[in-house]
Amino acid sequence: MEVQWKEHTLRVTGNWTARWLFLAPEYQLWLDDELLDSSGGPRLHPVLEAIYEDEDGDRHHIAAELVSIVGFKPRCDLSIEGDILESQKVRVDNFLNPFLMLAIIISTAIMLYVGPDVVSEFLPV
């Protein structure tokens, strides 16, 4: 999600990272090319907040409130000084990572459950 504000670009991004075993996304709040805040993990309502001081010396409270259910296209309300600037869905990168991790975990659990004797019958060893 990208928004123009006072000659600046505010951006909220999401990505599935290894920090949570690719099972929970991490979100970042950017102002131009400067990272302001990062949050994520297994949370339903992650909030990104920052205080920005502009060239005139005025301070602005920037907040991005997300509603993240399983990390699929979370809704984000971007506000400055409590006034909602934009409300959009955030595109989360690497969406296949949690499915791949779940497939690995389930496959490993099945192999441990059936035991090495059954697995060795199907493998030409």
PDB file of N, CA and C in Angstrom:
ATOM      1  N   MET A   1       0.848  -1.164   0.000  1.00  0.00           N
ATOM      2  CA  MET A   1       0.000   0.000   0.000  1.00  0.00           C
ATOM      3  C   MET A   1       0.899   1.233   0.000  1.00  0.00           C
ATOM      4  N   GLU A   2       0.646   2.146  -0.891  1.00  0.00           N
ATOM      5  CA  GLU A   2       1.457   3.353  -1.026  1.00  0.00           C
ATOM      6  C   GLU A   2       0.555   4.576  -1.100  1.00  0.00           C
ATOM      7  N   VAL A   3       0.929   5.630  -0.341  1.00  0.00           N
ATOM      8  CA  VAL A   3       0.134   6.855  -0.275  1.00  0.00           C
ATOM      9  C   VAL A   3       1.076   8.048  -0.333  1.00  0.00           C
ATOM     10  N   GLN A   4       0.684   9.070  -1.078  1.00  0.00           N
ATOM     11  CA  GLN A   4       1.444  10.316  -1.121  1.00  0.00           C
ATOM     12  C   GLN A   4       0.927  11.242  -0.024  1.00  0.00           C
ATOM     13  N   TRP A   5       1.861  11.875   0.710  1.00  0.00           N
ATOM     14  CA  TRP A   5       1.503  12.793   1.779  1.00  0.00           C
ATOM     15  C   TRP A   5       2.579  13.866   1.893  1.00  0.00           C
ATOM     16  N   LYS A   6       2.220  15.114   1.679  1.00  0.00           N
ATOM     17  CA  LYS A   6       3.138  16.251   1.794  1.00  0.00           C
ATOM     18  C   LYS A   6       4.494  15.979   1.136  1.00  0.00           C
ATOM     19  N   GLU A   7       4.494  15.674  -0.115  1.00  0.00           N
ATOM     20  CA  GLU A   7       5.703  15.409  -0.890  1.00  0.00           C
ATOM     21  C   GLU A   7       6.498  14.214  -0.378  1.00  0.00           C
ATOM     22  N   HIS A   8       5.886  13.345   0.406  1.00  0.00           N
ATOM     23  CA  HIS A   8       6.508  12.126   0.902  1.00  0.00           C
ATOM     24  C   HIS A   8       5.668  10.938   0.454  1.00  0.00           C
ATOM     25  N   THR A   9       6.285   9.789   0.460  1.00  0.00           N
ATOM     26  CA  THR A   9       5.579   8.558   0.140  1.00  0.00           C
ATOM     27  C   THR A   9       5.541   7.676   1.377  1.00  0.00           C
ATOM     28  N   LEU A  10       4.341   7.386   1.855  1.00  0.00           N
ATOM     29  CA  LEU A  10       4.148   6.460   2.960  1.00  0.00           C
ATOM     30  C   LEU A  10       3.808   5.100   2.371  1.00  0.00           C
ATOM     31  N   ARG A  11       4.448   4.073   2.905  1.00  0.00           N
ATOM     32  CA  ARG A  11       4.258   2.736   2.341  1.00  0.00           C
ATOM     33  C   ARG A  11       4.161   1.718   3.467  1.00  0.00           C
ATOM     34  N   VAL A  12       3.226   0.799   3.347  1.00  0.00           N
ATOM     35  CA  VAL A  12       3.090  -0.313   4.278  1.00  0.00           C
ATOM     36  C   VAL A  12       3.288  -1.585   3.469  1.00  0.00           C
ATOM     37  N   THR A  13       4.237  -2.420   3.902  1.00  0.00           N
ATOM     38  CA  THR A  13       4.532  -3.665   3.196  1.00  0.00           C
ATOM     39  C   THR A  13       4.392  -4.844   4.156  1.00  0.00           C
ATOM     40  N   GLY A  14       4.217  -6.007   3.582  1.00  0.00           N
ATOM     41  CA  GLY A  14       4.135  -7.236   4.363  1.00  0.00           C
ATOM     42  C   GLY A  14       4.944  -8.325   3.696  1.00  0.00           C
ATOM     43  N   ASN A  15       5.487  -9.227   4.510  1.00  0.00           N
ATOM     44  CA  ASN A  15       6.310 -10.308   3.974  1.00  0.00           C
ATOM     45  C   ASN A  15       6.295 -11.478   4.958  1.00  0.00           C
ATOM     46  N   TRP A  16       6.242 -12.690   4.410  1.00  0.00           N
ATOM     47  CA  TRP A  16       6.348 -13.899   5.236  1.00  0.00           C
ATOM     48  C   TRP A  16       7.825 -14.144   5.490  1.00  0.00           C
ATOM     49  N   THR A  17       8.251 -14.073   6.740  1.00  0.00           N
ATOM     50  CA  THR A  17       9.669 -14.201   7.060  1.00  0.00           C
ATOM     51  C   THR A  17       9.932 -15.460   7.879  1.00  0.00           C
ATOM     52  N   ALA A  18      11.200 -15.824   7.948  1.00  0.00           N
ATOM     53  CA  ALA A  18      11.595 -17.028   8.682  1.00  0.00           C
ATOM     54  C   ALA A  18      11.501 -16.838  10.188  1.00  0.00           C
ATOM     55  N   ARG A  19      11.365 -15.612  10.632  1.00  0.00           N
ATOM     56  CA  ARG A  19      11.315 -15.355  12.071  1.00  0.00           C
ATOM     57  C   ARG A  19      10.197 -16.138  12.748  1.00  0.00           C
ATOM     58  N   TRP A  20       9.064 -16.280  12.092  1.00  0.00           N
ATOM     59  CA  TRP A  20       7.925 -17.007  12.638  1.00  0.00           C
ATOM     60  C   TRP A  20       7.717 -18.322  11.883  1.00  0.00           C
ATOM     61  N   LEU A  21       8.801 -18.903  11.384  1.00  0.00           N
ATOM     62  CA  LEU A  21       8.755 -20.150  10.604  1.00  0.00           C
ATOM     63  C   LEU A  21       7.839 -20.014   9.391  1.00  0.00           C
ATOM     64  N   PHE A  22       7.791 -18.847   8.799  1.00  0.00           N
ATOM     65  CA  PHE A  22       6.981 -18.554   7.621  1.00  0.00           C
ATOM     66  C   PHE A  22       5.490 -18.770   7.864  1.00  0.00           C
ATOM     67  N   LEU A  23       5.049 -18.762   9.124  1.00  0.00           N
ATOM     68  CA  LEU A  23       3.640 -18.986   9.429  1.00  0.00           C
ATOM     69  C   LEU A  23       2.915 -17.707   9.857  1.00  0.00           C
ATOM     70  N   ALA A  24       3.633 -16.599   9.973  1.00  0.00           N
ATOM     71  CA  ALA A  24       3.012 -15.315  10.310  1.00  0.00           C
ATOM     72  C   ALA A  24       3.769 -14.205   9.582  1.00  0.00           C
ATOM     73  N   PRO A  25       3.050 -13.272   8.976  1.00  0.00           N
ATOM     74  CA  PRO A  25       3.734 -12.205   8.235  1.00  0.00           C
ATOM     75  C   PRO A  25       4.284 -11.115   9.146  1.00  0.00           C
ATOM     76  N   GLU A  26       5.251 -10.391   8.615  1.00  0.00           N
ATOM     77  CA  GLU A  26       5.803  -9.227   9.301  1.00  0.00           C
ATOM     78  C   GLU A  26       5.519  -8.010   8.437  1.00  0.00           C
ATOM     79  N   TYR A  27       5.060  -6.927   9.075  1.00  0.00           N
ATOM     80  CA  TYR A  27       4.674  -5.716   8.367  1.00  0.00           C
ATOM     81  C   TYR A  27       5.653  -4.593   8.679  1.00  0.00           C
ATOM     82  N   GLN A  28       5.846  -3.689   7.708  1.00  0.00           N
ATOM     83  CA  GLN A  28       6.775  -2.580   7.871  1.00  0.00           C
ATOM     84  C   GLN A  28       6.120  -1.286   7.388  1.00  0.00           C
ATOM     85  N   LEU A  29       6.410  -0.200   8.123  1.00  0.00           N
ATOM     86  CA  LEU A  29       5.941   1.136   7.764  1.00  0.00           C
ATOM     87  C   LEU A  29       7.135   1.946   7.287  1.00  0.00           C
ATOM     88  N   TRP A  30       7.060   2.459   6.059  1.00  0.00           N
ATOM     89  CA  TRP A  30       8.162   3.206   5.441  1.00  0.00           C
ATOM     90  C   TRP A  30       7.721   4.626   5.142  1.00  0.00           C
ATOM     91  N   LEU A  31       8.630   5.577   5.325  1.00  0.00           N
ATOM     92  CA  LEU A  31       8.456   6.952   4.879  1.00  0.00           C
ATOM     93  C   LEU A  31       9.581   7.214   3.899  1.00  0.00           C
ATOM     94  N   ASP A  32       9.237   7.397   2.637  1.00  0.00           N
ATOM     95  CA  ASP A  32      10.201   7.454   1.534  1.00  0.00           C
ATOM     96  C   ASP A  32      11.041   6.169   1.571  1.00  0.00           C
ATOM     97  N   ASP A  33      12.320   6.232   1.851  1.00  0.00           N
ATOM     98  CA  ASP A  33      13.140   5.017   1.928  1.00  0.00           C
ATOM     99  C   ASP A  33      13.640   4.762   3.339  1.00  0.00           C
ATOM    100  N   GLU A  34      12.944   5.283   4.336  1.00  0.00           N
ATOM    101  CA  GLU A  34      13.343   5.133   5.732  1.00  0.00           C
ATOM    102  C   GLU A  34      12.328   4.242   6.456  1.00  0.00           C
ATOM    103  N   LEU A  35      12.825   3.190   7.072  1.00  0.00           N
ATOM    104  CA  LEU A  35      11.971   2.287   7.833  1.00  0.00           C
ATOM    105  C   LEU A  35      11.609   2.956   9.161  1.00  0.00           C
ATOM    106  N   LEU A  36      10.307   3.136   9.400  1.00  0.00           N
ATOM    107  CA  LEU A  36       9.853   3.779  10.628  1.00  0.00           C
ATOM    108  C   LEU A  36       9.508   2.778  11.722  1.00  0.00           C
ATOM    109  N   ASP A  37       8.819   1.692  11.362  1.00  0.00           N
ATOM    110  CA  ASP A  37       8.414   0.702  12.354  1.00  0.00           C
ATOM    111  C   ASP A  37       8.198  -0.638  11.688  1.00  0.00           C
ATOM    112  N   SER A  38       8.340  -1.685  12.486  1.00  0.00           N
ATOM    113  CA  SER A  38       8.157  -3.045  12.001  1.00  0.00           C
ATOM    114  C   SER A  38       7.434  -3.841  13.082  1.00  0.00           C
ATOM    115  N   SER A  39       6.459  -4.642  12.662  1.00  0.00           N
ATOM    116  CA  SER A  39       5.707  -5.448  13.615  1.00  0.00           C
ATOM    117  C   SER A  39       5.112  -6.622  12.864  1.00  0.00           C
ATOM    118  N   GLY A  40       4.699  -7.590  13.596  1.00  0.00           N
ATOM    119  CA  GLY A  40       4.081  -8.738  12.952  1.00  0.00           C
ATOM    120  C   GLY A  40       4.017  -9.906  13.895  1.00  0.00           C
ATOM    121  N   GLY A  41       4.004 -11.079  13.310  1.00  0.00           N
ATOM    122  CA  GLY A  41       3.902 -12.272  14.115  1.00  0.00           C
ATOM    123  C   GLY A  41       2.458 -12.721  14.231  1.00  0.00           C
ATOM    124  N   PRO A  42       2.217 -13.633  15.137  1.00  0.00           N
ATOM    125  CA  PRO A  42       0.860 -14.175  15.275  1.00  0.00           C
ATOM    126  C   PRO A  42      -0.064 -13.223  16.030  1.00  0.00           C
ATOM    127  N   ARG A  43      -0.375 -12.118  15.419  1.00  0.00           N
ATOM    128  CA  ARG A  43      -1.260 -11.108  16.012  1.00  0.00           C
ATOM    129  C   ARG A  43      -2.408 -10.826  15.062  1.00  0.00           C
ATOM    130  N   LEU A  44      -3.569 -10.573  15.621  1.00  0.00           N
ATOM    131  CA  LEU A  44      -4.738 -10.272  14.796  1.00  0.00           C
ATOM    132  C   LEU A  44      -4.762  -8.800  14.387  1.00  0.00           C
ATOM    133  N   HIS A  45      -4.288  -7.905  15.274  1.00  0.00           N
ATOM    134  CA  HIS A  45      -4.308  -6.463  15.014  1.00  0.00           C
ATOM    135  C   HIS A  45      -2.922  -5.843  15.236  1.00  0.00           C
ATOM    136  N   PRO A  46      -1.967  -6.086  14.351  1.00  0.00           N
ATOM    137  CA  PRO A  46      -0.679  -5.401  14.524  1.00  0.00           C
ATOM    138  C   PRO A  46      -0.812  -3.906  14.239  1.00  0.00           C
ATOM    139  N   VAL A  47      -0.090  -3.109  15.010  1.00  0.00           N
ATOM    140  CA  VAL A  47      -0.126  -1.651  14.859  1.00  0.00           C
ATOM    141  C   VAL A  47       1.295  -1.151  14.632  1.00  0.00           C
ATOM    142  N   LEU A  48       1.482  -0.348  13.604  1.00  0.00           N
ATOM    143  CA  LEU A  48       2.764   0.281  13.307  1.00  0.00           C
ATOM    144  C   LEU A  48       2.632   1.760  13.620  1.00  0.00           C
ATOM    145  N   GLU A  49       3.542   2.293  14.427  1.00  0.00           N
ATOM    146  CA  GLU A  49       3.457   3.699  14.822  1.00  0.00           C
ATOM    147  C   GLU A  49       4.819   4.362  14.743  1.00  0.00           C
ATOM    148  N   ALA A  50       4.803   5.665  14.470  1.00  0.00           N
ATOM    149  CA  ALA A  50       6.036   6.445  14.429  1.00  0.00           C
ATOM    150  C   ALA A  50       5.702   7.917  14.618  1.00  0.00           C
ATOM    151  N   ILE A  51       6.679   8.652  15.145  1.00  0.00           N
ATOM    152  CA  ILE A  51       6.593  10.106  15.249  1.00  0.00           C
ATOM    153  C   ILE A  51       7.580  10.666  14.233  1.00  0.00           C
ATOM    154  N   TYR A  52       7.078  11.493  13.336  1.00  0.00           N
ATOM    155  CA  TYR A  52       7.917  12.070  12.286  1.00  0.00           C
ATOM    156  C   TYR A  52       7.996  13.576  12.483  1.00  0.00           C
ATOM    157  N   GLU A  53       9.216  14.116  12.480  1.00  0.00           N
ATOM    158  CA  GLU A  53       9.412  15.558  12.568  1.00  0.00           C
ATOM    159  C   GLU A  53       9.807  16.072  11.190  1.00  0.00           C
ATOM    160  N   ASP A  54       8.983  16.967  10.640  1.00  0.00           N
ATOM    161  CA  ASP A  54       9.256  17.467   9.289  1.00  0.00           C
ATOM    162  C   ASP A  54      10.256  18.624   9.322  1.00  0.00           C
ATOM    163  N   GLU A  55      10.480  19.226   8.149  1.00  0.00           N
ATOM    164  CA  GLU A  55      11.479  20.283   8.014  1.00  0.00           C
ATOM    165  C   GLU A  55      11.132  21.529   8.821  1.00  0.00           C
ATOM    166  N   ASP A  56       9.844  21.764   9.070  1.00  0.00           N
ATOM    167  CA  ASP A  56       9.407  22.940   9.828  1.00  0.00           C
ATOM    168  C   ASP A  56       9.496  22.728  11.332  1.00  0.00           C
ATOM    169  N   GLY A  57       9.814  21.528  11.763  1.00  0.00           N
ATOM    170  CA  GLY A  57       9.881  21.227  13.190  1.00  0.00           C
ATOM    171  C   GLY A  57       8.578  20.714  13.771  1.00  0.00           C
ATOM    172  N   ASP A  58       7.558  20.523  12.935  1.00  0.00           N
ATOM    173  CA  ASP A  58       6.281  19.985  13.400  1.00  0.00           C
ATOM    174  C   ASP A  58       6.389  18.472  13.522  1.00  0.00           C
ATOM    175  N   ARG A  59       5.803  17.948  14.580  1.00  0.00           N
ATOM    176  CA  ARG A  59       5.801  16.497  14.783  1.00  0.00           C
ATOM    177  C   ARG A  59       4.458  15.928  14.354  1.00  0.00           C
ATOM    178  N   HIS A  60       4.524  14.787  13.679  1.00  0.00           N
ATOM    179  CA  HIS A  60       3.321  14.123  13.189  1.00  0.00           C
ATOM    180  C   HIS A  60       3.333  12.677  13.681  1.00  0.00           C
ATOM    181  N   HIS A  61       2.191  12.251  14.220  1.00  0.00           N
ATOM    182  CA  HIS A  61       2.039  10.863  14.661  1.00  0.00           C
ATOM    183  C   HIS A  61       1.448  10.063  13.502  1.00  0.00           C
ATOM    184  N   ILE A  62       2.227   9.112  13.010  1.00  0.00           N
ATOM    185  CA  ILE A  62       1.801   8.266  11.883  1.00  0.00           C
ATOM    186  C   ILE A  62       1.498   6.882  12.439  1.00  0.00           C
ATOM    187  N   ALA A  63       0.336   6.341  12.095  1.00  0.00           N
ATOM    188  CA  ALA A  63      -0.058   5.017  12.583  1.00  0.00           C
ATOM    189  C   ALA A  63      -0.690   4.217  11.450  1.00  0.00           C
ATOM    190  N   ALA A  64      -0.373   2.951  11.432  1.00  0.00           N
ATOM    191  CA  ALA A  64      -0.986   2.017  10.484  1.00  0.00           C
ATOM    192  C   ALA A  64      -1.552   0.861  11.300  1.00  0.00           C
ATOM    193  N   GLU A  65      -2.863   0.725  11.286  1.00  0.00           N
ATOM    194  CA  GLU A  65      -3.539  -0.340  12.024  1.00  0.00           C
ATOM    195  C   GLU A  65      -3.999  -1.393  11.030  1.00  0.00           C
ATOM    196  N   LEU A  66      -3.565  -2.625  11.247  1.00  0.00           N
ATOM    197  CA  LEU A  66      -3.884  -3.716  10.330  1.00  0.00           C
ATOM    198  C   LEU A  66      -4.828  -4.712  10.991  1.00  0.00           C
ATOM    199  N   VAL A  67      -5.656  -5.325  10.174  1.00  0.00           N
ATOM    200  CA  VAL A  67      -6.467  -6.455  10.603  1.00  0.00           C
ATOM    201  C   VAL A  67      -5.987  -7.631   9.781  1.00  0.00           C
ATOM    202  N   SER A  68      -5.201  -8.495  10.418  1.00  0.00           N
ATOM    203  CA  SER A  68      -4.528  -9.571   9.707  1.00  0.00           C
ATOM    204  C   SER A  68      -5.077 -10.924  10.147  1.00  0.00           C
ATOM    205  N   ILE A  69      -5.938 -11.491   9.329  1.00  0.00           N
ATOM    206  CA  ILE A  69      -6.449 -12.833   9.587  1.00  0.00           C
ATOM    207  C   ILE A  69      -5.715 -13.777   8.651  1.00  0.00           C
ATOM    208  N   VAL A  70      -4.831 -14.556   9.171  1.00  0.00           N
ATOM    209  CA  VAL A  70      -3.991 -15.493   8.431  1.00  0.00           C
ATOM    210  C   VAL A  70      -3.093 -14.768   7.431  1.00  0.00           C
ATOM    211  N   GLY A  71      -2.968 -13.477   7.495  1.00  0.00           N
ATOM    212  CA  GLY A  71      -2.067 -12.729   6.639  1.00  0.00           C
ATOM    213  C   GLY A  71      -2.490 -12.606   5.193  1.00  0.00           C
ATOM    214  N   PHE A  72      -3.720 -12.975   4.856  1.00  0.00           N
ATOM    215  CA  PHE A  72      -4.179 -12.907   3.473  1.00  0.00           C
ATOM    216  C   PHE A  72      -4.861 -11.577   3.220  1.00  0.00           C
ATOM    217  N   LYS A  73      -4.235 -10.691   2.447  1.00  0.00           N
ATOM    218  CA  LYS A  73      -4.736  -9.362   2.096  1.00  0.00           C
ATOM    219  C   LYS A  73      -5.298  -8.619   3.312  1.00  0.00           C
ATOM    220  N   PRO A  74      -4.437  -8.297   4.272  1.00  0.00           N
ATOM    221  CA  PRO A  74      -4.934  -7.605   5.464  1.00  0.00           C
ATOM    222  C   PRO A  74      -5.380  -6.179   5.157  1.00  0.00           C
ATOM    223  N   ARG A  75      -6.393  -5.727   5.837  1.00  0.00           N
ATOM    224  CA  ARG A  75      -6.914  -4.371   5.708  1.00  0.00           C
ATOM    225  C   ARG A  75      -6.054  -3.454   6.565  1.00  0.00           C
ATOM    226  N   CYS A  76      -5.658  -2.308   6.013  1.00  0.00           N
ATOM    227  CA  CYS A  76      -4.795  -1.368   6.712  1.00  0.00           C
ATOM    228  C   CYS A  76      -5.426   0.020   6.697  1.00  0.00           C
ATOM    229  N   ASP A  77      -5.509   0.624   7.881  1.00  0.00           N
ATOM    230  CA  ASP A  77      -5.953   2.009   8.013  1.00  0.00           C
ATOM    231  C   ASP A  77      -4.736   2.853   8.362  1.00  0.00           C
ATOM    232  N   LEU A  78      -4.320   3.696   7.435  1.00  0.00           N
ATOM    233  CA  LEU A  78      -3.161   4.566   7.637  1.00  0.00           C
ATOM    234  C   LEU A  78      -3.665   5.932   8.076  1.00  0.00           C
ATOM    235  N   SER A  79      -3.212   6.368   9.257  1.00  0.00           N
ATOM    236  CA  SER A  79      -3.695   7.642   9.782  1.00  0.00           C
ATOM    237  C   SER A  79      -2.537   8.525  10.217  1.00  0.00           C
ATOM    238  N   ILE A  80      -2.770   9.828  10.121  1.00  0.00           N
ATOM    239  CA  ILE A  80      -1.810  10.825  10.582  1.00  0.00           C
ATOM    240  C   ILE A  80      -2.564  11.740  11.531  1.00  0.00           C
ATOM    241  N   GLU A  81      -2.046  11.865  12.735  1.00  0.00           N
ATOM    242  CA  GLU A  81      -2.684  12.662  13.785  1.00  0.00           C
ATOM    243  C   GLU A  81      -4.113  12.194  14.057  1.00  0.00           C
ATOM    244  N   GLY A  82      -4.374  10.904  13.897  1.00  0.00           N
ATOM    245  CA  GLY A  82      -5.695  10.351  14.157  1.00  0.00           C
ATOM    246  C   GLY A  82      -6.669  10.448  13.003  1.00  0.00           C
ATOM    247  N   ASP A  83      -6.340  11.203  11.956  1.00  0.00           N
ATOM    248  CA  ASP A  83      -7.201  11.319  10.776  1.00  0.00           C
ATOM    249  C   ASP A  83      -6.790  10.263   9.763  1.00  0.00           C
ATOM    250  N   ILE A  84      -7.749   9.439   9.348  1.00  0.00           N
ATOM    251  CA  ILE A  84      -7.442   8.364   8.402  1.00  0.00           C
ATOM    252  C   ILE A  84      -7.125   8.962   7.042  1.00  0.00           C
ATOM    253  N   LEU A  85      -5.915   8.665   6.581  1.00  0.00           N
ATOM    254  CA  LEU A  85      -5.441   9.158   5.295  1.00  0.00           C
ATOM    255  C   LEU A  85      -5.855   8.215   4.173  1.00  0.00           C
ATOM    256  N   GLU A  86      -5.748   6.916   4.425  1.00  0.00           N
ATOM    257  CA  GLU A  86      -6.070   5.915   3.399  1.00  0.00           C
ATOM    258  C   GLU A  86      -6.447   4.617   4.088  1.00  0.00           C
ATOM    259  N   SER A  87      -7.338   3.859   3.468  1.00  0.00           N
ATOM    260  CA  SER A  87      -7.730   2.539   3.954  1.00  0.00           C
ATOM    261  C   SER A  87      -7.743   1.596   2.758  1.00  0.00           C
ATOM    262  N   GLN A  88      -6.787   0.676   2.746  1.00  0.00           N
ATOM    263  CA  GLN A  88      -6.635  -0.259   1.627  1.00  0.00           C
ATOM    264  C   GLN A  88      -6.214  -1.620   2.147  1.00  0.00           C
ATOM    265  N   LYS A  89      -6.132  -2.557   1.209  1.00  0.00           N
ATOM    266  CA  LYS A  89      -5.577  -3.875   1.528  1.00  0.00           C
ATOM    267  C   LYS A  89      -4.091  -3.869   1.193  1.00  0.00           C
ATOM    268  N   VAL A  90      -3.304  -4.527   2.029  1.00  0.00           N
ATOM    269  CA  VAL A  90      -1.854  -4.600   1.850  1.00  0.00           C
ATOM    270  C   VAL A  90      -1.515  -5.902   1.153  1.00  0.00           C
ATOM    271  N   ARG A  91      -0.667  -5.806   0.152  1.00  0.00           N
ATOM    272  CA  ARG A  91      -0.181  -6.998  -0.548  1.00  0.00           C
ATOM    273  C   ARG A  91       0.973  -7.588   0.254  1.00  0.00           C
ATOM    274  N   VAL A  92       0.842  -8.862   0.627  1.00  0.00           N
ATOM    275  CA  VAL A  92       1.871  -9.545   1.398  1.00  0.00           C
ATOM    276  C   VAL A  92       2.683 -10.414   0.443  1.00  0.00           C
ATOM    277  N   ASP A  93       4.009 -10.193   0.412  1.00  0.00           N
ATOM    278  CA  ASP A  93       4.890 -10.935  -0.486  1.00  0.00           C
ATOM    279  C   ASP A  93       5.117 -12.360   0.013  1.00  0.00           C
ATOM    280  N   ASN A  94       5.556 -13.219  -0.902  1.00  0.00           N
ATOM    281  CA  ASN A  94       5.927 -14.612  -0.607  1.00  0.00           C
ATOM    282  C   ASN A  94       4.781 -15.390   0.038  1.00  0.00           C
ATOM    283  N   PHE A  95       3.602 -15.352  -0.582  1.00  0.00           N
ATOM    284  CA  PHE A  95       2.422 -15.974   0.004  1.00  0.00           C
ATOM    285  C   PHE A  95       2.499 -17.501   0.027  1.00  0.00           C
ATOM    286  N   LEU A  96       3.355 -18.110  -0.791  1.00  0.00           N
ATOM    287  CA  LEU A  96       3.461 -19.566  -0.794  1.00  0.00           C
ATOM    288  C   LEU A  96       4.287 -20.121   0.366  1.00  0.00           C
ATOM    289  N   ASN A  97       5.069 -19.284   1.020  1.00  0.00           N
ATOM    290  CA  ASN A  97       5.933 -19.761   2.105  1.00  0.00           C
ATOM    291  C   ASN A  97       5.189 -20.499   3.211  1.00  0.00           C
ATOM    292  N   PRO A  98       4.054 -20.007   3.723  1.00  0.00           N
ATOM    293  CA  PRO A  98       3.386 -20.766   4.787  1.00  0.00           C
ATOM    294  C   PRO A  98       2.855 -22.109   4.317  1.00  0.00           C
ATOM    295  N   PHE A  99       2.403 -22.200   3.060  1.00  0.00           N
ATOM    296  CA  PHE A  99       1.915 -23.487   2.560  1.00  0.00           C
ATOM    297  C   PHE A  99       3.052 -24.495   2.429  1.00  0.00           C
ATOM    298  N   LEU A 100       4.208 -24.028   1.973  1.00  0.00           N
ATOM    299  CA  LEU A 100       5.358 -24.920   1.880  1.00  0.00           C
ATOM    300  C   LEU A 100       5.807 -25.390   3.254  1.00  0.00           C
ATOM    301  N   MET A 101       5.819 -24.492   4.228  1.00  0.00           N
ATOM    302  CA  MET A 101       6.219 -24.862   5.582  1.00  0.00           C
ATOM    303  C   MET A 101       5.228 -25.840   6.193  1.00  0.00           C
ATOM    304  N   LEU A 102       3.937 -25.621   5.989  1.00  0.00           N
ATOM    305  CA  LEU A 102       2.935 -26.560   6.504  1.00  0.00           C
ATOM    306  C   LEU A 102       3.059 -27.925   5.847  1.00  0.00           C
ATOM    307  N   ALA A 103       3.350 -27.967   4.555  1.00  0.00           N
ATOM    308  CA  ALA A 103       3.539 -29.246   3.864  1.00  0.00           C
ATOM    309  C   ALA A 103       4.738 -29.998   4.444  1.00  0.00           C
ATOM    310  N   ILE A 104       5.812 -29.291   4.747  1.00  0.00           N
ATOM    311  CA  ILE A 104       6.989 -29.923   5.335  1.00  0.00           C
ATOM    312  C   ILE A 104       6.679 -30.456   6.729  1.00  0.00           C
ATOM    313  N   ILE A 105       5.983 -29.667   7.537  1.00  0.00           N
ATOM    314  CA  ILE A 105       5.655 -30.091   8.905  1.00  0.00           C
ATOM    315  C   ILE A 105       4.721 -31.301   8.884  1.00  0.00           C
ATOM    316  N   ILE A 106       3.696 -31.266   8.029  1.00  0.00           N
ATOM    317  CA  ILE A 106       2.743 -32.384   7.955  1.00  0.00           C
ATOM    318  C   ILE A 106       3.428 -33.639   7.436  1.00  0.00           C
ATOM    319  N   SER A 107       4.273 -33.506   6.415  1.00  0.00           N
ATOM    320  CA  SER A 107       4.987 -34.668   5.881  1.00  0.00           C
ATOM    321  C   SER A 107       5.911 -35.288   6.923  1.00  0.00           C
ATOM    322  N   THR A 108       6.611 -34.464   7.661  1.00  0.00           N
ATOM    323  CA  THR A 108       7.502 -34.963   8.706  1.00  0.00           C
ATOM    324  C   THR A 108       6.706 -35.671   9.803  1.00  0.00           C
ATOM    325  N   ALA A 109       5.561 -35.091  10.184  1.00  0.00           N
ATOM    326  CA  ALA A 109       4.727 -35.716  11.212  1.00  0.00           C
ATOM    327  C   ALA A 109       4.200 -37.071  10.751  1.00  0.00           C
ATOM    328  N   ILE A 110       3.788 -37.176   9.499  1.00  0.00           N
ATOM    329  CA  ILE A 110       3.303 -38.465   8.970  1.00  0.00           C
ATOM    330  C   ILE A 110       4.426 -39.489   8.946  1.00  0.00           C
ATOM    331  N   MET A 111       5.618 -39.070   8.522  1.00  0.00           N
ATOM    332  CA  MET A 111       6.750 -40.007   8.485  1.00  0.00           C
ATOM    333  C   MET A 111       7.128 -40.472   9.888  1.00  0.00           C
ATOM    334  N   LEU A 112       7.067 -39.607  10.856  1.00  0.00           N
ATOM    335  CA  LEU A 112       7.359 -40.009  12.229  1.00  0.00           C
ATOM    336  C   LEU A 112       6.267 -40.916  12.788  1.00  0.00           C
ATOM    337  N   TYR A 113       5.033 -40.682  12.391  1.00  0.00           N
ATOM    338  CA  TYR A 113       3.916 -41.484  12.883  1.00  0.00           C
ATOM    339  C   TYR A 113       3.963 -42.915  12.334  1.00  0.00           C
ATOM    340  N   VAL A 114       4.193 -43.066  11.036  1.00  0.00           N
ATOM    341  CA  VAL A 114       4.182 -44.414  10.446  1.00  0.00           C
ATOM    342  C   VAL A 114       5.455 -45.187  10.762  1.00  0.00           C
ATOM    343  N   GLY A 115       6.520 -44.508  11.053  1.00  0.00           N
ATOM    344  CA  GLY A 115       7.744 -45.182  11.477  1.00  0.00           C
ATOM    345  C   GLY A 115       8.682 -45.492  10.334  1.00  0.00           C
ATOM    346  N   PRO A 116       9.920 -45.846  10.672  1.00  0.00           N
ATOM    347  CA  PRO A 116      10.940 -46.077   9.651  1.00  0.00           C
ATOM    348  C   PRO A 116      10.722 -47.366   8.857  1.00  0.00           C
ATOM    349  N   ASP A 117      10.030 -48.357   9.431  1.00  0.00           N
ATOM    350  CA  ASP A 117       9.825 -49.614   8.701  1.00  0.00           C
ATOM    351  C   ASP A 117       8.924 -49.413   7.491  1.00  0.00           C
ATOM    352  N   VAL A 118       7.844 -48.668   7.647  1.00  0.00           N
ATOM    353  CA  VAL A 118       6.914 -48.431   6.539  1.00  0.00           C
ATOM    354  C   VAL A 118       7.574 -47.563   5.485  1.00  0.00           C
ATOM    355  N   VAL A 119       8.329 -46.552   5.903  1.00  0.00           N
ATOM    356  CA  VAL A 119       8.987 -45.667   4.970  1.00  0.00           C
ATOM    357  C   VAL A 119      10.043 -46.439   4.177  1.00  0.00           C
ATOM    358  N   SER A 120      10.777 -47.342   4.818  1.00  0.00           N
ATOM    359  CA  SER A 120      11.828 -48.108   4.119  1.00  0.00           C
ATOM    360  C   SER A 120      11.244 -49.094   3.119  1.00  0.00           C
ATOM    361  N   GLU A 121       9.997 -49.531   3.273  1.00  0.00           N
ATOM    362  CA  GLU A 121       9.364 -50.419   2.297  1.00  0.00           C
ATOM    363  C   GLU A 121       9.153 -49.708   0.957  1.00  0.00           C
ATOM    364  N   PHE A 122       8.904 -48.400   0.998  1.00  0.00           N
ATOM    365  CA  PHE A 122       8.622 -47.639  -0.209  1.00  0.00           C
ATOM    366  C   PHE A 122       9.875 -47.041  -0.845  1.00  0.00           C
ATOM    367  N   LEU A 123      10.969 -47.001  -0.117  1.00  0.00           N
ATOM    368  CA  LEU A 123      12.215 -46.455  -0.658  1.00  0.00           C
ATOM    369  C   LEU A 123      13.146 -47.604  -1.043  1.00  0.00           C
ATOM    370  N   PRO A 124      13.711 -47.552  -2.232  1.00  0.00           N
ATOM    371  CA  PRO A 124      14.626 -48.621  -2.655  1.00  0.00           C
ATOM    372  C   PRO A 124      16.018 -48.450  -2.016  1.00  0.00           C
ATOM    373  N   VAL A 125      16.161 -48.940  -0.818  1.00  0.00           N
ATOM    374  CA  VAL A 125      17.435 -48.835  -0.119  1.00  0.00           C
ATOM    375  C   VAL A 125      18.051 -50.188   0.070  1.00  0.00           C
TER     376      VAL A 125
END
